[in-house]
C-alpha cells in the first residue's frame, strides 16, 4: 500500500508536467507564428502578384490583336489573417496519459482577403491615351538600354517612320519599319561604344515676352521665385523664364566628326559636328504658325558644363515652334494604347480565326495575307496553340486557345517588364498638375 501511494502522486505529477510542457510549447509556438507566417507566405504572394501582372498585360495585348478592349484589375491590398487553435491536448483517455502521449487537435488557418479594383475613369483613360514623353526612355529603361522602348514606343524620329499605321487595332499595315530599325541600330551602336550618351539638360523656356520693369511688383517676384521661375532683369525690361529638364544626346569630342555620327546625322537630318542635340517629344514642341527664325540663328546650344558633371546646360533662349532645326531630335511618341496595339502585331493567331474573319488581317499587293509579326521581329513574339503550354511561365487562355511567351524568350519578357514600368510611370504623371503662373497686367 505504501508503494502504491507513492506511485500515484508520481504519475499525477508526470501528467501535470506533460500538460505544462504542452502549454509552454503552444505559447512559444504562438509567439513564433507571425514570423513563420511571413516566411511561409510573403514570397509566394510576391511571385503570384508578379506572374499575374505579366499575364494580365499579355492578355490585354492579345485582346487588342482581336480588336477587343483592354481591361486592367488593380490589387491595391492583400490582407491575410493567420489563426491557430488547439483543444484536448492533455488527452481525455487515462490510457493515453499512462503511455506518455498527448492527444487533441491543433488547427492553423490562413484567411486572405483580396481587394480588386477595376481601372476606370478619367485618370485611367488619360494614362492610356496620353502620349509618352521622351524622358520615359530614361526613366523606365534600366541600365540605359533603350532599344525596347525606341522600337515599341516611338512612332517616328525626325520623320523616319516606325510603321505608324500599326498602332491601331483595326489598322491595315502596308509598310515596314526597316529604315527606323536601321536608325535605332546606329544610335545603339554609337551608345554602346561611348560615342553618344543620353543625359538630362537644363533649359530655360520664356513664359512671356518682355515686361516693363514698372509692371512687376515685389509680390509677383516673390511668387515667381517660390514657383521656381527665373526672372531676367535688365535696364529696360523683365523676362520670366521657367527652367526645365530636357533630354539631350551628348556626343564625345572625338566622335563628333566620325563617319558613323555623320551617317546618323544624315538619316535624322541633323547638323553634323555639334557637341549635343536636344531630344524632345513632338507633342510638347508646338509649331508657331507664320513664325520665322532669324537668319543665321540655330537656337540655343546645349553644352556640357565645365566642371564635368552629368548635367548639360543650355546657353541662350529657346525659340518656340522650331521642330526641324538641326540640333533637335524630335520624337513622335506613342500612347500606351498605341504601344499595346503595335505589340499585338507580334501575336500569332490560329489559321481558323483568320479563315473565319474574327481577327484583323490585310493582304499584300501580291494577294497574300500580310505577316504582321515582321514588325515586331526580334522585339516581341507571342505564340499560340490549342493545348496549354506547361513549360511557359507567361501563358493566358483566350478564345479557346493558349497564347504564351516561350520560356527562352527573354526579350519578350523584358518588353513586358518595361511596359509595366511605363504604365506605372504614366499613371503617376496623370495625377500631377503643373504650377500656374499669374502675370500682372497694368
Protein backbone atom coordinates (compact mmCIF):
# COMPACT_ATOMS: atom_id res chain seq x y z
CA UNK A 1 0.00 0.00 0.00
CA UNK A 2 2.78 2.31 0.81
CA UNK A 3 4.45 1.76 -2.56
CA UNK A 4 1.15 2.34 -4.37
CA UNK A 5 0.57 5.60 -2.56
CA UNK A 6 3.97 6.79 -3.72
CA UNK A 7 3.45 5.73 -7.37
CA UNK A 8 0.13 7.52 -7.96
CA UNK A 9 1.33 11.00 -6.99
CA UNK A 10 4.34 10.42 -9.22
CA UNK A 11 2.10 9.51 -12.16
CA UNK A 12 -0.11 12.54 -11.45
CA UNK A 13 2.90 14.82 -11.32
CA UNK A 14 4.13 13.36 -14.60
CA UNK A 15 0.79 14.09 -16.29
CA UNK A 16 0.81 17.62 -14.94
CA UNK A 17 4.34 18.11 -16.26
CA UNK A 18 3.27 16.91 -19.67
CA UNK A 19 0.41 19.39 -19.65
CA UNK A 20 2.69 22.24 -18.62
CA UNK A 21 5.18 21.32 -21.33
CA UNK A 22 2.40 21.28 -23.94
CA UNK A 23 1.14 24.69 -22.81
CA UNK A 24 4.67 26.09 -22.93
CA UNK A 25 5.18 24.72 -26.44
CA UNK A 26 1.91 26.22 -27.63
CA UNK A 27 2.77 29.55 -26.03
CA UNK A 28 6.20 29.60 -27.69
CA UNK A 29 4.70 28.48 -30.99
CA UNK A 30 2.15 31.26 -30.85
CA UNK A 31 4.89 33.83 -30.37
CA UNK A 32 6.71 32.49 -33.44
CA UNK A 33 3.58 32.16 -35.56
CA UNK A 34 3.82 35.67 -37.05
CA UNK A 35 7.43 35.45 -38.32
CA UNK A 36 6.82 31.89 -39.51
CA UNK A 37 3.74 33.03 -41.42
CA UNK A 38 5.76 35.78 -43.12
CA UNK A 39 8.50 33.35 -44.09
CA UNK A 40 5.96 30.92 -45.46
CA UNK A 41 3.73 33.30 -47.43
CA UNK A 42 5.43 36.57 -48.42
CA UNK A 43 7.50 35.21 -51.30
CA UNK A 44 4.55 33.17 -52.54
CA UNK A 45 2.35 36.28 -52.66
CA UNK A 46 5.17 38.22 -54.35
CA UNK A 47 5.66 35.60 -57.05
CA UNK A 48 1.93 35.23 -57.64
CA UNK A 49 1.47 39.00 -57.94
CA UNK A 50 4.36 39.36 -60.39
CA UNK A 51 3.25 36.48 -62.58
CA UNK A 52 -0.41 37.53 -62.72
CA UNK A 53 0.61 41.12 -63.57
CA UNK A 54 2.55 39.82 -66.58
CA UNK A 55 -0.33 37.55 -67.53
CA UNK A 56 -2.86 40.39 -67.33
CA UNK A 57 -0.73 42.62 -69.57
CA UNK A 58 -0.22 39.78 -72.06
CA UNK A 59 -3.96 39.07 -72.08
CA UNK A 60 -4.72 42.72 -72.91
CA UNK A 61 -2.19 42.70 -75.77
CA UNK A 62 -3.82 39.54 -77.15
CA UNK A 63 -7.24 41.16 -76.81
CA UNK A 64 -6.10 44.13 -78.88
CA UNK A 65 -4.93 41.76 -81.63
CA UNK A 66 -8.61 40.78 -81.86
CA UNK A 67 -9.72 44.45 -81.64
CA UNK A 68 -11.15 43.89 -78.14
CA UNK A 69 -10.93 46.35 -75.27
CA UNK A 70 -8.12 46.13 -72.71
CA UNK A 71 -9.20 45.83 -69.07
CA UNK A 72 -6.95 46.11 -66.02
CA UNK A 73 -7.78 45.00 -62.48
CA UNK A 74 -5.73 46.55 -59.69
CA UNK A 75 -4.94 44.70 -56.48
CA UNK A 76 -4.30 47.54 -54.03
CA UNK A 77 -4.42 45.47 -50.84
CA UNK A 78 -3.83 41.92 -49.68
CA UNK A 79 -4.92 41.24 -46.11
CA UNK A 80 -4.13 37.83 -44.68
CA UNK A 81 -5.17 36.62 -41.23
CA UNK A 82 -3.46 33.68 -39.56
CA UNK A 83 -5.21 31.84 -36.76
CA UNK A 84 -4.02 28.95 -34.57
CA UNK A 85 -6.16 27.00 -32.13
CA UNK A 86 -5.95 23.76 -30.15
CA UNK A 87 -8.16 21.61 -27.92
CA UNK A 88 -7.77 18.49 -25.79
CA UNK A 89 -4.00 18.46 -25.88
CA UNK A 90 -3.77 16.86 -22.46
CA UNK A 91 -5.87 13.97 -23.68
CA UNK A 92 -9.13 12.62 -22.29
CA UNK A 93 -8.05 8.98 -22.00
CA UNK A 94 -6.20 7.73 -18.94
CA UNK A 95 -4.58 5.03 -21.09
CA UNK A 96 -3.09 7.69 -23.39
CA UNK A 97 -1.82 9.60 -20.37
CA UNK A 98 -0.26 6.49 -18.82
CA UNK A 99 1.58 5.78 -22.10
CA UNK A 100 3.06 9.29 -22.04
CA UNK A 101 1.31 10.65 -25.17
CA UNK A 102 -0.73 13.79 -25.74
CA UNK A 103 -3.91 13.79 -27.79
CA UNK A 104 -6.05 16.56 -29.26
CA UNK A 105 -6.35 18.90 -32.28
CA UNK A 106 -4.10 21.72 -33.46
CA UNK A 107 -5.59 23.93 -36.18
CA UNK A 108 -3.93 26.66 -38.30
CA UNK A 109 -5.91 28.73 -40.80
CA UNK A 110 -4.85 31.30 -43.41
CA UNK A 111 -7.73 33.59 -44.45
CA UNK A 112 -6.57 36.07 -47.14
CA UNK A 113 -8.77 38.97 -48.21
CA UNK A 114 -8.09 40.31 -51.72
CA UNK A 115 -9.39 43.70 -52.88
CA UNK A 116 -9.80 44.04 -56.66
CA UNK A 117 -10.48 47.45 -58.19
CA UNK A 118 -11.01 47.79 -61.96
CA UNK A 119 -9.14 50.69 -63.51
CA UNK A 120 -11.62 53.16 -64.87
CA UNK A 121 -12.42 56.83 -65.03
CA UNK A 122 -10.62 59.87 -66.38
CA UNK A 123 -7.21 59.10 -64.92
CA UNK A 124 -7.22 55.60 -66.42
CA UNK A 125 -8.22 56.94 -69.84
CA UNK A 126 -5.56 59.65 -69.59
CA UNK A 127 -2.95 57.02 -68.73
CA UNK A 128 -3.74 55.03 -71.87
CA UNK A 129 -4.29 57.74 -74.48
CA UNK A 130 -1.78 60.42 -73.42
CA UNK A 131 1.40 60.16 -75.50
CA UNK A 132 4.52 59.24 -73.59
CA UNK A 133 7.27 61.80 -73.20
CA UNK A 134 10.85 61.49 -74.40
CA UNK A 135 12.02 61.35 -70.77
CA UNK A 136 10.31 57.96 -70.49
CA UNK A 137 13.22 56.49 -72.45
CA UNK A 138 15.47 57.20 -69.47
CA UNK A 139 13.06 56.92 -66.55
CA UNK A 140 11.82 53.43 -67.43
CA UNK A 141 14.87 51.96 -69.12
CA UNK A 142 17.15 50.31 -66.54
CA UNK A 143 20.80 50.19 -67.50
CA UNK A 144 20.48 52.73 -70.29
CA UNK A 145 19.43 50.14 -72.93
CA UNK A 146 16.65 51.98 -74.74
CA UNK A 147 16.19 49.65 -77.72
CA UNK A 148 12.93 48.14 -76.50
CA UNK A 149 11.31 51.49 -75.81
CA UNK A 150 12.55 53.02 -79.07
CA UNK A 151 11.05 50.21 -81.15
CA UNK A 152 7.82 49.95 -79.17
CA UNK A 153 7.07 53.49 -78.01
CA UNK A 154 8.38 55.83 -80.75
CA UNK A 155 6.28 56.42 -83.88
CA UNK A 156 8.95 58.36 -85.77
CA UNK A 157 12.26 60.17 -85.28
CA UNK A 158 12.66 63.33 -87.35
CA UNK A 159 10.34 61.89 -89.97
CA UNK A 160 11.81 58.34 -90.05
CA UNK A 161 8.66 56.24 -89.56
CA UNK A 162 8.14 53.19 -87.36
CA UNK A 163 5.05 51.79 -89.13
CA UNK A 164 2.60 54.26 -87.56
CA UNK A 165 -0.39 52.54 -89.20
CA UNK A 166 0.28 49.52 -86.96
CA UNK A 167 -0.69 51.44 -83.83
CA UNK A 168 -4.41 50.88 -84.39
CA UNK A 169 -6.03 47.53 -83.56
CA UNK A 170 -8.02 47.64 -86.81
CA UNK A 171 -5.44 49.40 -88.97
CA UNK A 172 -4.01 47.72 -92.04
CA UNK A 173 -0.20 47.73 -92.27
CA UNK A 174 1.11 48.15 -95.83
CA UNK A 175 4.52 49.44 -94.73
CA UNK A 176 7.55 48.19 -92.84
CA UNK A 177 9.92 49.80 -90.34
CA UNK A 178 13.30 48.73 -91.69
CA UNK A 179 14.63 52.29 -92.06
CA UNK A 180 13.60 53.05 -88.49
CA UNK A 181 15.29 49.88 -87.22
CA UNK A 182 18.46 50.85 -89.08
CA UNK A 183 18.48 54.27 -87.41
CA UNK A 184 17.92 52.72 -83.97
CA UNK A 185 20.73 50.22 -84.53
CA UNK A 186 23.03 53.09 -85.50
CA UNK A 187 22.10 55.01 -82.33
CA UNK A 188 22.63 51.98 -80.10
CA UNK A 189 25.94 51.12 -81.79
CA UNK A 190 27.24 54.62 -81.05
CA UNK A 191 25.88 54.44 -77.50
CA UNK A 192 27.46 51.05 -76.80
CA UNK A 193 30.96 52.29 -77.66
CA UNK A 194 30.58 55.51 -75.67
CA UNK A 195 30.33 57.87 -78.63
CA UNK A 196 26.97 59.30 -77.50
CA UNK A 197 25.19 59.40 -74.18
CA UNK A 198 21.68 60.25 -73.06
CA UNK A 199 21.66 62.93 -70.34
CA UNK A 200 19.25 65.37 -68.82
CA UNK A 201 19.80 69.00 -69.78
CA UNK A 202 18.62 72.19 -68.11
CA UNK A 203 16.94 74.64 -70.46
CA UNK A 204 15.03 77.86 -69.85
CA UNK A 205 11.76 78.45 -71.65
CA UNK A 206 10.48 82.01 -71.57
CA UNK A 207 6.91 82.15 -70.32
CA UNK A 208 6.24 85.70 -71.51
CA UNK A 209 7.59 88.40 -73.73
CA UNK A 210 9.33 91.44 -72.37
CA UNK A 211 7.52 93.10 -69.47
CA UNK A 212 8.16 96.73 -68.44
CA UNK A 213 10.00 96.85 -65.12
CA UNK A 214 7.35 99.08 -63.52
CA UNK A 215 4.71 96.37 -64.19
CA UNK A 216 6.33 93.81 -61.90
CA UNK A 217 5.56 94.08 -58.21
CA UNK A 218 7.70 92.66 -55.38
CA UNK A 219 4.90 90.25 -54.54
CA UNK A 220 4.97 88.91 -58.08
CA UNK A 221 8.74 88.43 -57.94
CA UNK A 222 8.48 86.50 -54.67
CA UNK A 223 5.66 84.36 -56.07
CA UNK A 224 7.71 83.63 -59.21
CA UNK A 225 10.73 82.57 -57.19
CA UNK A 226 8.56 80.37 -54.99
CA UNK A 227 7.34 78.56 -58.13
CA UNK A 228 10.91 78.10 -59.41
CA UNK A 229 10.62 80.66 -62.19
CA UNK A 230 13.68 82.69 -63.16
CA UNK A 231 13.41 86.46 -63.58
CA UNK A 232 15.82 88.11 -66.05
CA UNK A 233 16.06 91.84 -65.35
CA UNK A 234 17.84 94.46 -67.40
CA UNK A 235 17.60 98.23 -67.65
CA UNK A 236 14.59 98.32 -69.97
CA UNK A 237 12.60 95.11 -69.48
CA UNK A 238 11.94 91.98 -67.42
CA UNK A 239 11.58 88.44 -68.80
CA UNK A 240 10.16 85.45 -66.94
CA UNK A 241 11.62 82.02 -67.72
CA UNK A 242 10.85 78.52 -66.48
CA UNK A 243 13.86 76.18 -66.07
CA UNK A 244 13.03 72.67 -67.17
CA UNK A 245 14.83 69.43 -67.74
CA UNK A 246 15.06 68.14 -71.29
CA UNK A 247 16.70 65.04 -72.65
CA UNK A 248 19.90 65.52 -74.63
CA UNK A 249 22.21 63.35 -76.70
CA UNK A 250 25.76 64.38 -75.83
CA UNK A 251 28.46 63.49 -78.36
CA UNK A 252 32.02 62.82 -77.22
CA UNK A 253 34.52 65.29 -78.81
CA UNK A 254 36.49 62.60 -80.65
CA UNK A 255 33.32 61.15 -82.21
CA UNK A 256 31.69 64.37 -83.41
CA UNK A 257 33.12 64.00 -86.93
CA UNK A 258 33.23 60.20 -87.13
CA UNK A 259 31.71 58.53 -90.23
CA UNK A 260 29.08 56.75 -88.10
CA UNK A 261 27.99 60.00 -86.48
CA UNK A 262 27.79 61.77 -89.84
CA UNK A 263 25.73 58.87 -91.21
CA UNK A 264 23.31 59.20 -88.30
CA UNK A 265 23.07 62.97 -88.79
CA UNK A 266 22.24 62.43 -92.45
CA UNK A 267 19.50 59.92 -91.62
CA UNK A 268 17.91 62.17 -89.00
CA UNK A 269 18.52 65.48 -90.81
CA UNK A 270 20.79 66.80 -88.05
CA UNK A 271 23.57 69.35 -88.28
CA UNK A 272 26.83 67.36 -88.10
CA UNK A 273 29.67 68.31 -85.79
CA UNK A 274 27.61 69.55 -82.80
CA UNK A 275 28.51 68.52 -79.25
CA UNK A 276 24.91 67.94 -78.15
CA UNK A 277 21.42 67.51 -79.58
CA UNK A 278 18.24 68.06 -77.62
CA UNK A 279 15.65 65.27 -77.57
CA UNK A 280 12.05 66.48 -77.39
CA UNK A 281 8.61 64.98 -77.67
CA UNK A 282 6.95 66.20 -80.82
CA UNK A 283 3.67 66.79 -78.97
CA UNK A 284 5.47 69.06 -76.48
CA UNK A 285 7.24 71.08 -79.20
CA UNK A 286 4.44 73.13 -80.78
CA UNK A 287 4.99 74.84 -84.12
CA UNK A 288 4.37 78.58 -84.21
CA UNK A 289 2.50 79.27 -87.46
CA UNK A 290 3.92 82.01 -89.70
CA UNK A 291 6.93 82.36 -87.37
CA UNK A 292 10.39 82.56 -88.88
CA UNK A 293 13.72 82.19 -87.17
CA UNK A 294 16.19 85.00 -87.70
CA UNK A 295 18.81 84.28 -90.34
CA UNK A 296 21.95 82.71 -89.01
CA UNK A 297 20.32 81.62 -85.75
CA UNK A 298 20.27 77.96 -84.80
CA UNK A 299 18.71 78.33 -81.39
CA UNK A 300 20.37 77.71 -78.03
CA UNK A 301 23.31 75.37 -77.92
CA UNK A 302 23.46 72.58 -75.38
CA UNK A 303 26.91 72.46 -73.83
CA UNK A 304 28.41 70.17 -71.19
CA UNK A 305 29.26 72.09 -68.00
CA UNK A 306 32.92 72.96 -67.41
CA UNK A 307 33.00 71.04 -64.12
CA UNK A 308 32.44 67.72 -65.89
CA UNK A 309 29.19 66.91 -64.06
CA UNK A 310 26.47 64.81 -65.62
CA UNK A 311 24.11 67.72 -66.32
CA UNK A 312 24.01 69.72 -69.52
CA UNK A 313 23.10 73.39 -69.66
CA UNK A 314 21.62 75.44 -72.47
CA UNK A 315 23.03 78.81 -73.48
CA UNK A 316 20.65 81.36 -74.89
CA UNK A 317 16.85 81.43 -75.19
CA UNK A 318 14.90 78.64 -76.84
CA UNK A 319 12.79 79.85 -79.75
CA UNK A 320 9.31 78.33 -79.76
CA UNK A 321 7.94 76.21 -82.54
CA UNK A 322 11.21 75.23 -84.21
CA UNK A 323 10.81 71.48 -84.51
CA UNK A 324 13.00 70.99 -87.57
CA UNK A 325 16.23 72.76 -86.70
CA UNK A 326 19.38 70.72 -86.96
CA UNK A 327 20.19 70.43 -83.25
CA UNK A 328 16.89 68.77 -82.26
CA UNK A 329 15.88 65.11 -82.30
CA UNK A 330 12.09 65.20 -82.35
CA UNK A 331 10.41 62.01 -81.19
CA UNK A 332 6.80 61.34 -82.10
CA UNK A 333 5.91 59.30 -79.02
CA UNK A 334 3.07 56.83 -78.83
CA UNK A 335 0.45 56.44 -76.15
CA UNK A 336 0.33 53.22 -74.14
CA UNK A 337 -2.79 52.21 -76.06
CA UNK A 338 -0.84 52.59 -79.30
CA UNK A 339 2.12 50.70 -77.83
CA UNK A 340 -0.06 47.73 -76.92
CA UNK A 341 -1.73 47.84 -80.34
CA UNK A 342 1.69 47.80 -82.01
CA UNK A 343 2.94 44.93 -79.85
CA UNK A 344 -0.25 43.00 -80.62
CA UNK A 345 1.02 42.69 -84.21
CA UNK A 346 3.54 40.21 -82.80
CA UNK A 347 0.77 37.88 -81.56
CA UNK A 348 0.39 34.71 -83.57
CA UNK A 349 -3.21 33.78 -84.39
CA UNK A 350 -4.72 30.41 -85.38
CA UNK A 351 -5.43 29.89 -89.07
CA UNK A 352 -9.07 29.07 -88.28
CA UNK A 353 -9.52 32.54 -86.78
CA UNK A 354 -8.14 34.10 -89.97
CA UNK A 355 -10.42 31.95 -92.11
CA UNK A 356 -13.48 32.85 -90.02
CA UNK A 357 -12.63 36.57 -90.13
CA UNK A 358 -12.64 37.11 -86.36
CA UNK A 359 -9.16 38.65 -86.41
CA UNK A 360 -7.99 41.64 -88.45
CA UNK A 361 -5.75 40.88 -91.45
CA UNK A 362 -4.82 42.55 -94.72
CA UNK A 363 -3.24 41.35 -97.94
CA UNK A 364 -0.05 42.32 -99.70
CA UNK A 365 -0.14 43.69 -103.28
CA UNK A 366 0.50 40.08 -104.38
CA UNK A 367 -2.72 38.89 -102.74
CA UNK A 368 -1.14 37.04 -99.80
CA UNK A 369 -2.07 37.61 -96.16
CA UNK A 370 0.41 40.08 -94.72
CA UNK A 371 2.52 38.69 -91.89
CA UNK A 372 2.38 41.42 -89.27
CA UNK A 373 4.84 39.68 -86.95
CA UNK A 374 7.67 41.07 -89.12
CA UNK A 375 7.09 44.47 -87.47
CA UNK A 376 7.96 43.14 -84.01
CA UNK A 377 10.54 40.56 -85.08
CA UNK A 378 13.31 40.43 -82.51
CA UNK A 379 11.28 42.62 -80.15
CA UNK A 380 8.10 40.81 -79.08
CA UNK A 381 6.65 37.44 -80.02
CA UNK A 382 3.56 35.63 -78.67
CA UNK A 383 2.89 32.07 -79.74
CA UNK A 384 -0.42 30.24 -79.83
CA UNK A 385 -1.52 26.62 -79.57
CA UNK A 386 -4.64 24.68 -78.70
CA UNK A 387 -3.35 22.92 -75.58
CA UNK A 388 -1.89 24.57 -72.53
CA UNK A 389 1.91 25.03 -72.70
CA UNK A 390 3.06 23.59 -69.39
CA UNK A 391 6.63 24.87 -69.61
CA UNK A 392 5.72 28.52 -70.35
CA UNK A 393 5.66 30.82 -67.31
CA UNK A 394 3.55 33.51 -69.00
CA UNK A 395 0.52 31.98 -70.71
CA UNK A 396 -3.13 33.05 -70.92
CA UNK A 397 -6.25 31.34 -72.30
CA UNK A 398 -8.29 33.29 -74.86
CA UNK A 399 -10.89 32.21 -77.43
CA UNK A 400 -10.33 28.50 -76.72
CA UNK A 401 -6.58 28.76 -77.36
CA UNK A 402 -3.49 29.38 -75.27
CA UNK A 403 -1.29 32.39 -76.01
CA UNK A 404 2.15 32.30 -74.42
CA UNK A 405 5.70 33.58 -74.43
CA UNK A 406 8.31 30.88 -74.92
CA UNK A 407 10.35 30.01 -71.81
CA UNK A 408 13.63 31.01 -73.52
CA UNK A 409 12.26 34.29 -74.97
CA UNK A 410 13.94 36.70 -72.56
CA UNK A 411 13.49 39.61 -74.98
CA UNK A 412 9.68 39.43 -74.98
CA UNK A 413 9.59 39.13 -71.18
CA UNK A 414 11.79 42.22 -70.86
CA UNK A 415 9.37 44.14 -73.11
CA UNK A 416 6.54 43.27 -70.74
CA UNK A 417 8.64 44.45 -67.78
CA UNK A 418 9.42 47.78 -69.47
CA UNK A 419 5.78 48.24 -70.45
CA UNK A 420 4.65 47.66 -66.85
CA UNK A 421 7.11 50.31 -65.67
CA UNK A 422 5.84 52.71 -68.33
CA UNK A 423 2.25 52.08 -67.22
CA UNK A 424 3.08 52.94 -63.62
CA UNK A 425 5.13 55.98 -64.68
CA UNK A 426 2.34 57.28 -66.89
CA UNK A 427 -0.28 56.66 -64.18
CA UNK A 428 1.77 58.74 -61.74
CA UNK A 429 2.07 61.60 -64.26
CA UNK A 430 -1.70 61.56 -64.81
CA UNK A 431 -2.21 62.65 -61.20
CA UNK A 432 0.17 65.61 -61.20
CA UNK A 433 -0.57 69.18 -62.18
CA UNK A 434 1.83 71.91 -63.25
CA UNK A 435 2.04 75.17 -61.25
CA UNK A 436 0.06 78.13 -62.58
CA UNK A 437 1.83 81.43 -63.17
CA UNK A 438 -0.28 84.57 -62.81
CA UNK A 439 1.14 87.61 -64.60
CA UNK A 440 0.23 91.15 -63.51
CA UNK A 441 -1.32 93.34 -66.22
CA UNK A 442 -1.37 97.11 -65.88
